[in-house]
Amino acid sequence: MAAPVSVRLDDDVRATLEADAKQHGIGLATYLRNLATDRAKLVRKANIRAESRRVAEYNRDNPDAQEFYDFWDRVSKDASG
């Protein structure tokens, strides 16, 4: 669900962004929405990578996790052949 956001821009910043938006054939609102969407995707990916690192570090240092992975590694090798 989309929700409107109000942003105050300095005149020179607005003029610069409007000119770039115009070069891309879109309006300022669409341009800003695209910028925000692209940045949100980058932030989400960075958060996922950081969480994956935390899980990997936890698993690396946890004997129970290592035992689990060792077990599934053996099962996988047995199943393949």
C-alpha atoms as a PDB file:
ATOM      1  CA  MET A   1       0.000   0.000   0.000  1.00  0.00           C
ATOM      2  CA  ALA A   2       1.483   3.311  -1.074  1.00  0.00           C
ATOM      3  CA  ALA A   3       1.458   6.316   1.214  1.00  0.00           C
ATOM      4  CA  PRO A   4       2.278   9.883   0.185  1.00  0.00           C
ATOM      5  CA  VAL A   5       5.406  11.507   1.594  1.00  0.00           C
ATOM      6  CA  SER A   6       6.128  15.214   1.685  1.00  0.00           C
ATOM      7  CA  VAL A   7       9.728  16.301   1.071  1.00  0.00           C
ATOM      8  CA  ARG A   8      11.103  19.813   1.262  1.00  0.00           C
ATOM      9  CA  LEU A   9      13.907  20.509  -1.231  1.00  0.00           C
ATOM     10  CA  ASP A  10      16.153  23.531  -1.643  1.00  0.00           C
ATOM     11  CA  ASP A  11      15.474  25.401  -4.886  1.00  0.00           C
ATOM     12  CA  ASP A  12      18.807  24.423  -6.463  1.00  0.00           C
ATOM     13  CA  VAL A  13      18.396  20.772  -5.485  1.00  0.00           C
ATOM     14  CA  ARG A  14      14.877  20.721  -6.868  1.00  0.00           C
ATOM     15  CA  ALA A  15      15.981  22.343 -10.135  1.00  0.00           C
ATOM     16  CA  THR A  16      18.805  19.834 -10.532  1.00  0.00           C
ATOM     17  CA  LEU A  17      16.538  16.854  -9.890  1.00  0.00           C
ATOM     18  CA  GLU A  18      13.767  18.209 -12.114  1.00  0.00           C
ATOM     19  CA  ALA A  19      16.249  18.656 -14.968  1.00  0.00           C
ATOM     20  CA  ASP A  20      17.490  15.075 -14.579  1.00  0.00           C
ATOM     21  CA  ALA A  21      13.932  13.774 -14.361  1.00  0.00           C
ATOM     22  CA  LYS A  22      13.077  15.657 -17.537  1.00  0.00           C
ATOM     23  CA  GLN A  23      16.071  14.116 -19.312  1.00  0.00           C
ATOM     24  CA  HIS A  24      14.662  10.699 -18.353  1.00  0.00           C
ATOM     25  CA  GLY A  25      11.224  11.670 -19.610  1.00  0.00           C
ATOM     26  CA  ILE A  26       9.502  11.473 -16.210  1.00  0.00           C
ATOM     27  CA  GLY A  27       8.140  13.880 -13.656  1.00  0.00           C
ATOM     28  CA  LEU A  28       9.879  14.809 -10.429  1.00  0.00           C
ATOM     29  CA  ALA A  29       7.564  12.707  -8.243  1.00  0.00           C
ATOM     30  CA  THR A  30       8.201   9.586 -10.336  1.00  0.00           C
ATOM     31  CA  TYR A  31      11.928  10.335 -10.370  1.00  0.00           C
ATOM     32  CA  LEU A  32      12.043  10.644  -6.580  1.00  0.00           C
ATOM     33  CA  ARG A  33       9.904   7.527  -6.145  1.00  0.00           C
ATOM     34  CA  ASN A  34      12.322   5.587  -8.376  1.00  0.00           C
ATOM     35  CA  LEU A  35      15.322   6.859  -6.404  1.00  0.00           C
ATOM     36  CA  ALA A  36      13.694   5.887  -3.110  1.00  0.00           C
ATOM     37  CA  THR A  37      12.679   2.459  -4.421  1.00  0.00           C
ATOM     38  CA  ASP A  38      16.166   1.722  -5.742  1.00  0.00           C
ATOM     39  CA  ARG A  39      17.738   2.798  -2.440  1.00  0.00           C
ATOM     40  CA  ALA A  40      15.281   0.669  -0.440  1.00  0.00           C
ATOM     41  CA  LYS A  41      16.267  -2.380  -2.519  1.00  0.00           C
ATOM     42  CA  LEU A  42      19.950  -1.737  -1.768  1.00  0.00           C
ATOM     43  CA  VAL A  43      19.235  -1.330   1.954  1.00  0.00           C
ATOM     44  CA  ARG A  44      17.202  -4.553   2.045  1.00  0.00           C
ATOM     45  CA  LYS A  45      19.970  -6.483   0.291  1.00  0.00           C
ATOM     46  CA  ALA A  46      22.562  -5.077   2.687  1.00  0.00           C
ATOM     47  CA  ASN A  47      20.401  -6.087   5.650  1.00  0.00           C
ATOM     48  CA  ILE A  48      19.991  -9.613   4.278  1.00  0.00           C
ATOM     49  CA  ARG A  49      23.752  -9.921   3.745  1.00  0.00           C
ATOM     50  CA  ALA A  50      24.449  -8.657   7.269  1.00  0.00           C
ATOM     51  CA  GLU A  51      21.972 -11.124   8.765  1.00  0.00           C
ATOM     52  CA  SER A  52      23.455 -13.949   6.700  1.00  0.00           C
ATOM     53  CA  ARG A  53      26.911 -13.055   8.035  1.00  0.00           C
ATOM     54  CA  ARG A  54      25.579 -13.095  11.612  1.00  0.00           C
ATOM     55  CA  VAL A  55      24.033 -16.538  11.045  1.00  0.00           C
ATOM     56  CA  ALA A  56      27.227 -17.858   9.450  1.00  0.00           C
ATOM     57  CA  GLU A  57      29.342 -16.539  12.341  1.00  0.00           C
ATOM     58  CA  TYR A  58      26.961 -18.046  14.879  1.00  0.00           C
ATOM     59  CA  ASN A  59      27.008 -21.393  13.081  1.00  0.00           C
ATOM     60  CA  ARG A  60      30.785 -21.330  12.727  1.00  0.00           C
ATOM     61  CA  ASP A  61      31.217 -20.867  16.487  1.00  0.00           C
ATOM     62  CA  ASN A  62      28.409 -23.173  17.642  1.00  0.00           C
ATOM     63  CA  PRO A  63      29.316 -26.868  18.069  1.00  0.00           C
ATOM     64  CA  ASP A  64      25.689 -27.996  17.706  1.00  0.00           C
ATOM     65  CA  ALA A  65      25.363 -26.126  14.424  1.00  0.00           C
ATOM     66  CA  GLN A  66      28.628 -27.603  13.158  1.00  0.00           C
ATOM     67  CA  GLU A  67      27.416 -31.094  14.059  1.00  0.00           C
ATOM     68  CA  PHE A  68      24.173 -30.429  12.167  1.00  0.00           C
ATOM     69  CA  TYR A  69      26.025 -29.307   9.037  1.00  0.00           C
ATOM     70  CA  ASP A  70      28.463 -32.198   9.243  1.00  0.00           C
ATOM     71  CA  PHE A  71      25.536 -34.631   9.469  1.00  0.00           C
ATOM     72  CA  TRP A  72      23.796 -33.168   6.403  1.00  0.00           C
ATOM     73  CA  ASP A  73      27.065 -33.088   4.511  1.00  0.00           C
ATOM     74  CA  ARG A  74      27.457 -36.822   5.121  1.00  0.00           C
ATOM     75  CA  VAL A  75      23.825 -37.516   4.167  1.00  0.00           C
ATOM     76  CA  SER A  76      24.246 -35.495   0.984  1.00  0.00           C
ATOM     77  CA  LYS A  77      27.436 -37.338   0.015  1.00  0.00           C
ATOM     78  CA  ASP A  78      25.810 -40.718   0.753  1.00  0.00           C
ATOM     79  CA  ALA A  79      22.765 -39.833  -1.335  1.00  0.00           C
ATOM     80  CA  SER A  80      24.802 -38.691  -4.328  1.00  0.00           C
ATOM     81  CA  GLY A  81      26.798 -41.672  -4.347  1.00  0.00           C
END
